[in-house]
N, C-alpha and C. Protein backbone atom coordinates (compact mmCIF):
# COMPACT_ATOMS: atom_id res chain seq x y z
N MET A 1 -23.12 8.64 -21.32
CA MET A 1 -22.18 8.86 -22.42
C MET A 1 -21.61 7.52 -22.89
N ALA A 2 -21.40 7.39 -24.17
CA ALA A 2 -20.87 6.14 -24.74
C ALA A 2 -19.38 6.02 -24.49
N PHE A 3 -18.93 4.79 -24.33
CA PHE A 3 -17.50 4.52 -24.20
C PHE A 3 -17.20 3.29 -25.05
N THR A 4 -15.95 3.14 -25.40
CA THR A 4 -15.58 2.07 -26.33
C THR A 4 -15.13 0.81 -25.60
N ALA A 5 -15.15 -0.29 -26.32
CA ALA A 5 -14.66 -1.57 -25.79
C ALA A 5 -13.17 -1.45 -25.46
N GLN A 6 -12.45 -0.65 -26.24
CA GLN A 6 -11.03 -0.43 -26.00
C GLN A 6 -10.80 0.24 -24.64
N GLN A 7 -11.68 1.20 -24.30
CA GLN A 7 -11.56 1.88 -23.00
C GLN A 7 -11.80 0.90 -21.86
N VAL A 8 -12.79 0.03 -22.03
CA VAL A 8 -13.09 -0.98 -21.01
C VAL A 8 -11.88 -1.90 -20.83
N LYS A 9 -11.31 -2.33 -21.96
CA LYS A 9 -10.13 -3.21 -21.93
C LYS A 9 -8.96 -2.54 -21.22
N GLU A 10 -8.71 -1.28 -21.57
CA GLU A 10 -7.60 -0.55 -20.96
C GLU A 10 -7.81 -0.37 -19.46
N LEU A 11 -9.05 -0.07 -19.07
CA LEU A 11 -9.36 0.12 -17.65
C LEU A 11 -9.18 -1.19 -16.89
N ARG A 12 -9.59 -2.30 -17.51
CA ARG A 12 -9.41 -3.61 -16.87
C ARG A 12 -7.93 -3.92 -16.68
N GLU A 13 -7.11 -3.60 -17.69
CA GLU A 13 -5.67 -3.86 -17.60
C GLU A 13 -5.02 -3.02 -16.53
N ARG A 14 -5.48 -1.77 -16.40
CA ARG A 14 -4.88 -0.86 -15.41
C ARG A 14 -5.29 -1.16 -13.98
N THR A 15 -6.52 -1.67 -13.79
CA THR A 15 -7.03 -1.82 -12.43
C THR A 15 -7.24 -3.26 -11.99
N GLY A 16 -7.39 -4.18 -12.95
CA GLY A 16 -7.68 -5.57 -12.59
C GLY A 16 -9.14 -5.78 -12.21
N ALA A 17 -9.98 -4.75 -12.37
CA ALA A 17 -11.39 -4.85 -12.01
C ALA A 17 -12.16 -5.65 -13.06
N GLY A 18 -13.34 -6.16 -12.68
CA GLY A 18 -14.18 -6.93 -13.58
C GLY A 18 -14.79 -6.04 -14.66
N MET A 19 -15.29 -6.70 -15.73
CA MET A 19 -15.82 -5.96 -16.87
C MET A 19 -17.01 -5.08 -16.48
N MET A 20 -17.94 -5.63 -15.68
CA MET A 20 -19.12 -4.85 -15.30
C MET A 20 -18.73 -3.65 -14.43
N ASP A 21 -17.77 -3.85 -13.53
CA ASP A 21 -17.29 -2.74 -12.70
C ASP A 21 -16.66 -1.66 -13.56
N CYS A 22 -15.89 -2.08 -14.57
CA CYS A 22 -15.24 -1.11 -15.47
C CYS A 22 -16.27 -0.32 -16.26
N LYS A 23 -17.31 -1.01 -16.72
CA LYS A 23 -18.37 -0.32 -17.47
C LYS A 23 -19.08 0.70 -16.58
N ALA A 24 -19.37 0.28 -15.34
CA ALA A 24 -20.04 1.18 -14.40
C ALA A 24 -19.17 2.39 -14.09
N ALA A 25 -17.85 2.15 -13.95
CA ALA A 25 -16.92 3.24 -13.64
C ALA A 25 -16.84 4.22 -14.80
N LEU A 26 -16.78 3.71 -16.02
CA LEU A 26 -16.71 4.58 -17.20
C LEU A 26 -18.01 5.36 -17.38
N GLU A 27 -19.11 4.72 -17.03
CA GLU A 27 -20.40 5.40 -17.09
C GLU A 27 -20.44 6.53 -16.07
N ALA A 28 -20.00 6.23 -14.84
CA ALA A 28 -20.02 7.23 -13.77
C ALA A 28 -19.09 8.40 -14.06
N SER A 29 -17.98 8.11 -14.75
CA SER A 29 -17.00 9.17 -15.04
C SER A 29 -17.20 9.78 -16.43
N ARG A 30 -18.30 9.41 -17.10
CA ARG A 30 -18.64 9.92 -18.44
C ARG A 30 -17.52 9.67 -19.47
N GLY A 31 -16.93 8.48 -19.37
CA GLY A 31 -15.94 8.09 -20.35
C GLY A 31 -14.52 8.55 -20.06
N ASP A 32 -14.32 9.25 -18.93
CA ASP A 32 -12.99 9.74 -18.57
C ASP A 32 -12.22 8.62 -17.87
N LEU A 33 -11.12 8.18 -18.47
CA LEU A 33 -10.37 7.03 -17.96
C LEU A 33 -9.79 7.29 -16.57
N SER A 34 -9.22 8.47 -16.36
CA SER A 34 -8.64 8.80 -15.04
C SER A 34 -9.72 8.82 -13.97
N GLY A 35 -10.86 9.41 -14.32
CA GLY A 35 -11.98 9.45 -13.39
C GLY A 35 -12.50 8.06 -13.08
N ALA A 36 -12.49 7.18 -14.09
CA ALA A 36 -12.94 5.80 -13.89
C ALA A 36 -12.00 5.05 -12.96
N VAL A 37 -10.69 5.28 -13.12
CA VAL A 37 -9.70 4.65 -12.23
C VAL A 37 -9.95 5.10 -10.80
N GLU A 38 -10.16 6.39 -10.61
CA GLU A 38 -10.41 6.95 -9.27
C GLU A 38 -11.70 6.37 -8.68
N TYR A 39 -12.73 6.26 -9.53
CA TYR A 39 -14.02 5.68 -9.10
C TYR A 39 -13.80 4.25 -8.58
N LEU A 40 -13.04 3.46 -9.34
CA LEU A 40 -12.78 2.07 -8.94
C LEU A 40 -11.93 2.00 -7.69
N ARG A 41 -10.97 2.91 -7.55
CA ARG A 41 -10.14 2.93 -6.34
C ARG A 41 -11.01 3.19 -5.11
N LYS A 42 -11.92 4.18 -5.23
CA LYS A 42 -12.81 4.50 -4.11
C LYS A 42 -13.74 3.33 -3.80
N LYS A 43 -14.24 2.70 -4.85
CA LYS A 43 -15.12 1.54 -4.67
C LYS A 43 -14.35 0.40 -4.01
N GLY A 44 -13.10 0.22 -4.43
CA GLY A 44 -12.25 -0.82 -3.85
C GLY A 44 -11.99 -0.56 -2.38
N LEU A 45 -11.76 0.71 -2.05
CA LEU A 45 -11.52 1.06 -0.65
C LEU A 45 -12.77 0.81 0.17
N ALA A 46 -13.94 1.11 -0.40
CA ALA A 46 -15.19 0.88 0.32
C ALA A 46 -15.41 -0.62 0.53
N ASP A 47 -15.16 -1.41 -0.54
CA ASP A 47 -15.30 -2.86 -0.42
C ASP A 47 -14.31 -3.42 0.59
N ALA A 48 -13.09 -2.90 0.58
CA ALA A 48 -12.06 -3.37 1.51
C ALA A 48 -12.44 -3.06 2.95
N ALA A 49 -13.04 -1.89 3.16
CA ALA A 49 -13.45 -1.49 4.51
C ALA A 49 -14.49 -2.46 5.07
N LYS A 50 -15.40 -2.94 4.20
CA LYS A 50 -16.42 -3.89 4.64
C LYS A 50 -15.79 -5.20 5.10
N LYS A 51 -14.67 -5.56 4.48
CA LYS A 51 -14.03 -6.85 4.78
C LYS A 51 -13.01 -6.76 5.91
N ALA A 52 -12.79 -5.55 6.44
CA ALA A 52 -11.72 -5.33 7.42
C ALA A 52 -11.90 -6.12 8.71
N GLN A 53 -13.12 -6.52 9.04
CA GLN A 53 -13.36 -7.25 10.29
C GLN A 53 -13.22 -8.77 10.13
N ARG A 54 -13.08 -9.24 8.91
CA ARG A 54 -12.98 -10.68 8.69
C ARG A 54 -11.61 -11.20 9.13
N ASP A 55 -11.57 -12.48 9.51
CA ASP A 55 -10.31 -13.12 9.87
C ASP A 55 -9.55 -13.53 8.62
N ALA A 56 -8.26 -13.21 8.60
CA ALA A 56 -7.39 -13.64 7.49
C ALA A 56 -6.36 -14.58 8.09
N ARG A 57 -6.68 -15.88 8.11
CA ARG A 57 -5.82 -16.84 8.79
C ARG A 57 -5.09 -17.79 7.86
N ASP A 58 -5.27 -17.58 6.57
CA ASP A 58 -4.54 -18.40 5.61
C ASP A 58 -3.53 -17.49 4.93
N GLY A 59 -2.91 -17.95 3.87
CA GLY A 59 -1.94 -17.10 3.16
C GLY A 59 -0.65 -17.83 2.90
N VAL A 60 0.41 -17.06 2.70
CA VAL A 60 1.72 -17.66 2.38
C VAL A 60 2.85 -16.88 3.03
N VAL A 61 3.95 -17.58 3.20
CA VAL A 61 5.23 -16.96 3.53
C VAL A 61 6.06 -17.10 2.27
N ALA A 62 6.60 -15.99 1.77
CA ALA A 62 7.37 -16.03 0.53
C ALA A 62 8.71 -15.34 0.72
N SER A 63 9.64 -15.71 -0.15
CA SER A 63 10.97 -15.09 -0.09
C SER A 63 11.28 -14.40 -1.41
N TYR A 64 12.13 -13.41 -1.33
CA TYR A 64 12.59 -12.72 -2.53
C TYR A 64 14.07 -12.40 -2.33
N ILE A 65 14.88 -12.79 -3.29
CA ILE A 65 16.30 -12.46 -3.26
C ILE A 65 16.57 -11.51 -4.42
N HIS A 66 17.05 -10.32 -4.09
CA HIS A 66 17.32 -9.31 -5.11
C HIS A 66 18.52 -9.73 -5.96
N PRO A 67 18.50 -9.45 -7.29
CA PRO A 67 19.65 -9.81 -8.13
C PRO A 67 20.96 -9.29 -7.52
N GLY A 68 21.95 -10.18 -7.50
CA GLY A 68 23.22 -9.84 -6.87
C GLY A 68 23.35 -10.48 -5.50
N SER A 69 22.22 -11.01 -4.98
CA SER A 69 22.18 -11.73 -3.70
C SER A 69 22.71 -10.93 -2.52
N LYS A 70 22.51 -9.62 -2.53
CA LYS A 70 22.93 -8.78 -1.40
C LYS A 70 21.76 -8.42 -0.48
N ILE A 71 20.52 -8.53 -1.01
CA ILE A 71 19.32 -8.22 -0.23
C ILE A 71 18.35 -9.38 -0.37
N GLY A 72 17.80 -9.82 0.77
CA GLY A 72 16.79 -10.88 0.77
C GLY A 72 15.64 -10.48 1.67
N VAL A 73 14.45 -10.96 1.33
CA VAL A 73 13.24 -10.60 2.09
C VAL A 73 12.41 -11.85 2.33
N LEU A 74 11.87 -11.96 3.55
CA LEU A 74 10.82 -12.93 3.86
C LEU A 74 9.59 -12.12 4.21
N VAL A 75 8.44 -12.52 3.67
CA VAL A 75 7.21 -11.78 3.95
C VAL A 75 6.07 -12.77 4.16
N GLU A 76 5.19 -12.44 5.13
CA GLU A 76 3.97 -13.22 5.33
C GLU A 76 2.79 -12.35 4.95
N VAL A 77 2.01 -12.82 3.98
CA VAL A 77 0.79 -12.12 3.57
C VAL A 77 -0.36 -13.08 3.77
N ASN A 78 -1.40 -12.62 4.46
CA ASN A 78 -2.54 -13.47 4.79
C ASN A 78 -3.77 -13.14 3.97
N CYS A 79 -4.62 -14.16 3.82
CA CYS A 79 -5.95 -14.01 3.22
C CYS A 79 -6.86 -14.95 4.00
N GLU A 80 -8.09 -15.13 3.51
CA GLU A 80 -9.05 -15.91 4.30
C GLU A 80 -9.06 -17.40 3.98
N THR A 81 -8.70 -17.77 2.74
CA THR A 81 -8.78 -19.19 2.35
C THR A 81 -7.54 -19.63 1.58
N ASP A 82 -7.30 -20.93 1.65
CA ASP A 82 -6.19 -21.53 0.91
C ASP A 82 -6.42 -21.40 -0.59
N PHE A 83 -7.70 -21.43 -1.00
CA PHE A 83 -8.03 -21.31 -2.42
C PHE A 83 -7.48 -20.00 -2.99
N VAL A 84 -7.75 -18.88 -2.31
CA VAL A 84 -7.27 -17.58 -2.77
C VAL A 84 -5.75 -17.50 -2.65
N ALA A 85 -5.19 -18.07 -1.59
CA ALA A 85 -3.73 -18.04 -1.38
C ALA A 85 -2.98 -18.66 -2.55
N ARG A 86 -3.62 -19.62 -3.24
CA ARG A 86 -2.95 -20.30 -4.36
C ARG A 86 -3.17 -19.63 -5.71
N THR A 87 -4.00 -18.58 -5.75
CA THR A 87 -4.27 -17.93 -7.04
C THR A 87 -3.07 -17.12 -7.51
N GLU A 88 -3.00 -16.97 -8.82
CA GLU A 88 -1.90 -16.19 -9.42
C GLU A 88 -1.96 -14.73 -8.97
N ALA A 89 -3.18 -14.19 -8.84
CA ALA A 89 -3.34 -12.78 -8.44
C ALA A 89 -2.80 -12.56 -7.03
N PHE A 90 -3.08 -13.48 -6.11
CA PHE A 90 -2.58 -13.35 -4.74
C PHE A 90 -1.06 -13.49 -4.71
N GLN A 91 -0.55 -14.46 -5.45
CA GLN A 91 0.90 -14.67 -5.50
C GLN A 91 1.62 -13.42 -6.03
N GLN A 92 0.99 -12.74 -6.99
CA GLN A 92 1.58 -11.52 -7.54
C GLN A 92 1.64 -10.41 -6.48
N ILE A 93 0.57 -10.30 -5.68
CA ILE A 93 0.56 -9.31 -4.59
C ILE A 93 1.70 -9.58 -3.62
N VAL A 94 1.87 -10.85 -3.26
CA VAL A 94 2.93 -11.24 -2.33
C VAL A 94 4.30 -10.88 -2.91
N LYS A 95 4.49 -11.16 -4.18
CA LYS A 95 5.76 -10.83 -4.85
C LYS A 95 6.00 -9.32 -4.86
N ASP A 96 4.94 -8.56 -5.17
CA ASP A 96 5.05 -7.10 -5.19
C ASP A 96 5.43 -6.56 -3.81
N VAL A 97 4.82 -7.13 -2.77
CA VAL A 97 5.12 -6.69 -1.40
C VAL A 97 6.57 -7.00 -1.05
N ALA A 98 7.03 -8.19 -1.39
CA ALA A 98 8.41 -8.58 -1.10
C ALA A 98 9.41 -7.67 -1.82
N MET A 99 9.12 -7.35 -3.08
CA MET A 99 10.00 -6.45 -3.84
C MET A 99 9.98 -5.03 -3.26
N GLN A 100 8.81 -4.60 -2.77
CA GLN A 100 8.70 -3.29 -2.13
C GLN A 100 9.59 -3.23 -0.89
N VAL A 101 9.55 -4.28 -0.08
CA VAL A 101 10.37 -4.33 1.14
C VAL A 101 11.85 -4.30 0.78
N ALA A 102 12.23 -5.05 -0.26
CA ALA A 102 13.63 -5.07 -0.70
C ALA A 102 14.08 -3.69 -1.17
N ALA A 103 13.24 -3.03 -1.97
CA ALA A 103 13.63 -1.76 -2.59
C ALA A 103 13.55 -0.58 -1.64
N ALA A 104 12.50 -0.54 -0.81
CA ALA A 104 12.23 0.67 -0.01
C ALA A 104 12.67 0.55 1.45
N GLY A 105 12.99 -0.65 1.90
CA GLY A 105 13.53 -0.83 3.25
C GLY A 105 12.68 -0.28 4.39
N PRO A 106 11.38 -0.60 4.44
CA PRO A 106 10.57 -0.12 5.57
C PRO A 106 11.02 -0.76 6.88
N LEU A 107 10.65 -0.12 7.98
CA LEU A 107 10.99 -0.65 9.30
C LEU A 107 9.79 -1.31 9.98
N TYR A 108 8.59 -0.87 9.61
CA TYR A 108 7.36 -1.35 10.24
C TYR A 108 6.34 -1.65 9.16
N VAL A 109 5.36 -2.51 9.47
CA VAL A 109 4.28 -2.77 8.51
C VAL A 109 3.35 -1.56 8.46
N SER A 110 2.92 -1.08 9.64
CA SER A 110 1.98 0.03 9.68
C SER A 110 2.40 1.07 10.71
N ARG A 111 1.80 2.25 10.65
CA ARG A 111 2.13 3.32 11.60
C ARG A 111 1.74 2.94 13.02
N GLU A 112 0.75 2.04 13.15
CA GLU A 112 0.34 1.60 14.49
C GLU A 112 1.44 0.80 15.19
N GLU A 113 2.37 0.25 14.42
CA GLU A 113 3.46 -0.55 15.00
C GLU A 113 4.64 0.30 15.48
N VAL A 114 4.67 1.57 15.10
CA VAL A 114 5.79 2.43 15.50
C VAL A 114 5.69 2.71 16.99
N PRO A 115 6.73 2.35 17.76
CA PRO A 115 6.68 2.59 19.21
C PRO A 115 6.53 4.07 19.55
N GLY A 116 5.79 4.34 20.61
CA GLY A 116 5.57 5.72 21.07
C GLY A 116 6.88 6.45 21.33
N THR A 117 7.88 5.72 21.83
CA THR A 117 9.18 6.34 22.14
C THR A 117 9.86 6.85 20.86
N VAL A 118 9.68 6.09 19.77
CA VAL A 118 10.26 6.50 18.49
C VAL A 118 9.56 7.77 17.98
N LEU A 119 8.24 7.80 18.08
CA LEU A 119 7.48 8.98 17.64
C LEU A 119 7.84 10.21 18.47
N ASP A 120 7.97 10.02 19.78
CA ASP A 120 8.35 11.14 20.66
C ASP A 120 9.73 11.67 20.28
N ALA A 121 10.67 10.75 20.00
CA ALA A 121 12.03 11.16 19.62
C ALA A 121 12.00 11.93 18.29
N GLU A 122 11.20 11.46 17.33
CA GLU A 122 11.08 12.15 16.05
C GLU A 122 10.52 13.56 16.24
N ARG A 123 9.47 13.66 17.05
CA ARG A 123 8.86 14.97 17.31
C ARG A 123 9.89 15.93 17.92
N ASP A 124 10.69 15.41 18.86
CA ASP A 124 11.72 16.24 19.50
C ASP A 124 12.74 16.74 18.48
N VAL A 125 13.16 15.86 17.58
CA VAL A 125 14.12 16.25 16.54
C VAL A 125 13.54 17.36 15.68
N TYR A 126 12.28 17.20 15.25
CA TYR A 126 11.64 18.21 14.39
C TYR A 126 11.51 19.55 15.11
N ARG A 127 11.16 19.49 16.40
CA ARG A 127 11.01 20.74 17.16
C ARG A 127 12.37 21.44 17.31
N GLN A 128 13.43 20.67 17.53
CA GLN A 128 14.77 21.26 17.66
C GLN A 128 15.21 21.87 16.33
N GLN A 129 14.84 21.23 15.21
CA GLN A 129 15.19 21.76 13.90
C GLN A 129 14.55 23.13 13.67
N MET A 130 13.41 23.36 14.31
CA MET A 130 12.68 24.62 14.10
C MET A 130 12.77 25.56 15.30
N ALA A 131 13.71 25.27 16.21
CA ALA A 131 13.81 26.06 17.45
C ALA A 131 14.06 27.54 17.19
N ASP A 132 14.78 27.86 16.11
CA ASP A 132 15.11 29.27 15.83
C ASP A 132 14.01 29.99 15.05
N GLN A 133 12.97 29.27 14.67
CA GLN A 133 11.87 29.90 13.92
C GLN A 133 10.84 30.48 14.89
N LYS A 134 10.48 31.72 14.65
CA LYS A 134 9.52 32.40 15.53
C LYS A 134 8.10 32.14 15.02
N LYS A 135 7.61 30.94 15.33
CA LYS A 135 6.26 30.59 14.90
C LYS A 135 5.43 30.23 16.12
N PRO A 136 4.12 30.51 16.08
CA PRO A 136 3.26 30.15 17.21
C PRO A 136 3.27 28.63 17.44
N PRO A 137 3.09 28.19 18.69
CA PRO A 137 3.13 26.75 19.01
C PRO A 137 2.18 25.90 18.17
N HIS A 138 0.95 26.41 17.91
CA HIS A 138 0.00 25.59 17.15
C HIS A 138 0.45 25.40 15.69
N ILE A 139 1.17 26.38 15.15
CA ILE A 139 1.73 26.26 13.79
C ILE A 139 2.88 25.25 13.80
N LEU A 140 3.73 25.34 14.82
CA LEU A 140 4.84 24.39 14.95
C LEU A 140 4.32 22.96 15.06
N ASP A 141 3.24 22.78 15.83
CA ASP A 141 2.66 21.44 15.99
C ASP A 141 2.19 20.89 14.65
N LYS A 142 1.58 21.75 13.83
CA LYS A 142 1.11 21.32 12.50
C LYS A 142 2.29 20.92 11.61
N ILE A 143 3.37 21.70 11.69
CA ILE A 143 4.57 21.39 10.88
C ILE A 143 5.16 20.05 11.33
N VAL A 144 5.22 19.85 12.65
CA VAL A 144 5.76 18.60 13.21
C VAL A 144 4.93 17.41 12.73
N GLU A 145 3.60 17.54 12.78
CA GLU A 145 2.73 16.44 12.34
C GLU A 145 2.90 16.19 10.83
N GLY A 146 3.11 17.26 10.07
CA GLY A 146 3.37 17.10 8.63
C GLY A 146 4.65 16.34 8.37
N LYS A 147 5.68 16.64 9.17
CA LYS A 147 6.96 15.92 9.04
C LYS A 147 6.80 14.46 9.45
N LEU A 148 5.94 14.22 10.44
CA LEU A 148 5.69 12.84 10.87
C LEU A 148 5.05 12.03 9.74
N GLU A 149 4.16 12.68 8.97
CA GLU A 149 3.54 11.98 7.83
C GLU A 149 4.61 11.54 6.84
N LYS A 150 5.61 12.38 6.62
CA LYS A 150 6.72 12.03 5.72
C LYS A 150 7.52 10.85 6.32
N PHE A 151 7.71 10.88 7.65
CA PHE A 151 8.39 9.79 8.35
C PHE A 151 7.64 8.47 8.14
N PHE A 152 6.30 8.51 8.28
CA PHE A 152 5.49 7.30 8.08
C PHE A 152 5.63 6.80 6.64
N ALA A 153 5.63 7.72 5.69
CA ALA A 153 5.72 7.34 4.27
C ALA A 153 7.07 6.71 3.93
N GLU A 154 8.08 7.01 4.73
CA GLU A 154 9.41 6.43 4.49
C GLU A 154 9.60 5.12 5.25
N THR A 155 9.05 5.01 6.46
CA THR A 155 9.38 3.86 7.32
C THR A 155 8.29 2.81 7.47
N CYS A 156 7.04 3.15 7.13
CA CYS A 156 5.93 2.21 7.30
C CYS A 156 5.51 1.66 5.93
N LEU A 157 5.57 0.36 5.79
CA LEU A 157 5.31 -0.30 4.51
C LEU A 157 3.98 0.13 3.89
N LEU A 158 2.90 0.12 4.67
CA LEU A 158 1.59 0.45 4.12
C LEU A 158 1.47 1.89 3.65
N ASP A 159 2.27 2.79 4.23
CA ASP A 159 2.23 4.21 3.86
C ASP A 159 3.15 4.55 2.71
N GLN A 160 4.04 3.63 2.34
CA GLN A 160 5.01 3.92 1.28
C GLN A 160 4.34 3.98 -0.09
N PRO A 161 4.83 4.86 -0.98
CA PRO A 161 4.36 4.84 -2.36
C PRO A 161 4.78 3.51 -3.00
N PHE A 162 3.85 2.86 -3.70
CA PHE A 162 4.13 1.58 -4.33
C PHE A 162 5.16 1.77 -5.45
N ILE A 163 6.26 1.03 -5.39
CA ILE A 163 7.39 1.24 -6.30
C ILE A 163 7.05 1.02 -7.77
N ARG A 164 6.03 0.22 -8.06
CA ARG A 164 5.70 -0.07 -9.46
C ARG A 164 4.71 0.92 -10.06
N ASP A 165 4.24 1.88 -9.26
CA ASP A 165 3.38 2.93 -9.78
C ASP A 165 4.22 4.18 -9.96
N THR A 166 4.57 4.48 -11.19
CA THR A 166 5.48 5.60 -11.46
C THR A 166 4.85 6.96 -11.13
N SER A 167 3.51 7.00 -11.04
CA SER A 167 2.86 8.28 -10.71
C SER A 167 3.07 8.63 -9.24
N GLY A 168 3.39 7.63 -8.41
CA GLY A 168 3.59 7.87 -6.99
C GLY A 168 2.30 8.07 -6.21
N LYS A 169 1.15 7.84 -6.86
CA LYS A 169 -0.14 8.08 -6.20
C LYS A 169 -0.64 6.88 -5.41
N THR A 170 -0.21 5.68 -5.79
CA THR A 170 -0.69 4.46 -5.13
C THR A 170 0.23 4.10 -3.97
N THR A 171 -0.36 3.96 -2.78
CA THR A 171 0.43 3.49 -1.64
C THR A 171 0.30 1.96 -1.57
N VAL A 172 1.12 1.34 -0.74
CA VAL A 172 1.03 -0.11 -0.56
C VAL A 172 -0.33 -0.45 0.06
N LYS A 173 -0.85 0.42 0.92
CA LYS A 173 -2.19 0.19 1.49
C LYS A 173 -3.24 0.17 0.38
N ASP A 174 -3.13 1.08 -0.59
CA ASP A 174 -4.05 1.07 -1.73
C ASP A 174 -3.96 -0.26 -2.48
N LEU A 175 -2.73 -0.73 -2.66
CA LEU A 175 -2.50 -2.01 -3.35
C LEU A 175 -3.21 -3.14 -2.62
N VAL A 176 -3.08 -3.17 -1.29
CA VAL A 176 -3.71 -4.21 -0.48
C VAL A 176 -5.24 -4.09 -0.54
N ASP A 177 -5.74 -2.86 -0.45
CA ASP A 177 -7.19 -2.64 -0.52
C ASP A 177 -7.76 -3.06 -1.88
N GLN A 178 -7.03 -2.75 -2.94
CA GLN A 178 -7.46 -3.16 -4.29
C GLN A 178 -7.47 -4.68 -4.41
N ALA A 179 -6.46 -5.32 -3.81
CA ALA A 179 -6.39 -6.79 -3.85
C ALA A 179 -7.56 -7.39 -3.08
N THR A 180 -7.90 -6.80 -1.94
CA THR A 180 -9.04 -7.26 -1.14
C THR A 180 -10.33 -7.16 -1.94
N ALA A 181 -10.52 -6.04 -2.64
CA ALA A 181 -11.72 -5.85 -3.45
C ALA A 181 -11.76 -6.82 -4.63
N ARG A 182 -10.60 -7.00 -5.28
CA ARG A 182 -10.53 -7.84 -6.48
C ARG A 182 -10.70 -9.33 -6.14
N LEU A 183 -10.07 -9.77 -5.04
CA LEU A 183 -10.08 -11.19 -4.69
C LEU A 183 -11.31 -11.59 -3.89
N GLY A 184 -12.00 -10.59 -3.33
CA GLY A 184 -13.20 -10.88 -2.55
C GLY A 184 -12.90 -11.41 -1.16
N GLU A 185 -11.65 -11.30 -0.72
CA GLU A 185 -11.24 -11.72 0.61
C GLU A 185 -10.32 -10.67 1.21
N ARG A 186 -10.30 -10.62 2.52
CA ARG A 186 -9.42 -9.70 3.21
C ARG A 186 -7.97 -10.12 2.99
N VAL A 187 -7.14 -9.17 2.60
CA VAL A 187 -5.70 -9.41 2.40
C VAL A 187 -4.96 -8.57 3.43
N VAL A 188 -4.02 -9.19 4.14
CA VAL A 188 -3.29 -8.51 5.21
C VAL A 188 -1.80 -8.81 5.10
N ILE A 189 -0.98 -7.76 5.14
CA ILE A 189 0.47 -7.97 5.26
C ILE A 189 0.74 -8.15 6.74
N LYS A 190 1.13 -9.36 7.13
CA LYS A 190 1.29 -9.68 8.55
C LYS A 190 2.65 -9.23 9.09
N ARG A 191 3.73 -9.60 8.40
CA ARG A 191 5.08 -9.25 8.87
C ARG A 191 6.09 -9.46 7.76
N PHE A 192 7.27 -8.92 8.00
CA PHE A 192 8.36 -9.11 7.03
C PHE A 192 9.69 -9.05 7.76
N ALA A 193 10.69 -9.59 7.09
CA ALA A 193 12.07 -9.46 7.56
C ALA A 193 12.93 -9.17 6.34
N ARG A 194 13.81 -8.17 6.48
CA ARG A 194 14.68 -7.78 5.36
C ARG A 194 16.12 -7.98 5.78
N PHE A 195 16.88 -8.65 4.95
CA PHE A 195 18.30 -8.93 5.22
C PHE A 195 19.15 -8.26 4.15
N GLN A 196 20.20 -7.59 4.59
CA GLN A 196 21.13 -6.98 3.64
C GLN A 196 22.54 -7.31 4.08
N VAL A 197 23.34 -7.76 3.14
CA VAL A 197 24.72 -8.15 3.44
C VAL A 197 25.45 -6.97 4.09
N GLY A 198 26.12 -7.25 5.22
CA GLY A 198 26.89 -6.21 5.90
C GLY A 198 26.09 -5.39 6.90
N GLU A 199 24.76 -5.62 6.98
CA GLU A 199 23.94 -4.88 7.96
C GLU A 199 23.53 -5.77 9.09
N ARG A 200 23.27 -5.16 10.25
CA ARG A 200 22.77 -5.94 11.40
C ARG A 200 21.35 -5.54 11.69
């Protein structure tokens, strides 16, 4: 199916993908822009998965001070080379990550960092909340795990919905995977620290 140059331009602006990738995506989705975005996201995730074993030992430490100077963030984001670390696209990812930490206040980078004791305590709280419900244990377990997913989406940076995507469909992990695909190097959020006036 035919697609217009305007569609290619719009898809490039929305995804940051190359022209040939955008054309292929529009072809695969028969000119449907939403389908093309989804196609590129899946392709980006596949490309990112291939790069997951590479070492990311370069990168930057950046700071962000929220207007009003009440919240400040330090973040380390890694990539594979100094060349990519200095690009405008990489710097934008780092800025987006720092703003995400400032706005959403995550506690951990990933769900793998959440201590087992914290997860056990959360599970206990959820089970106590449902103690009066007469549901079979296997149903309760599913509900508890569903609530844990919500906990991860609130407290783990990579699981959080990206604040600049108003649709709420893009997670920070998606953002990182897209950056990995676009830059051709593995991108990793290593660590962060968030400071807020009056908090310890």
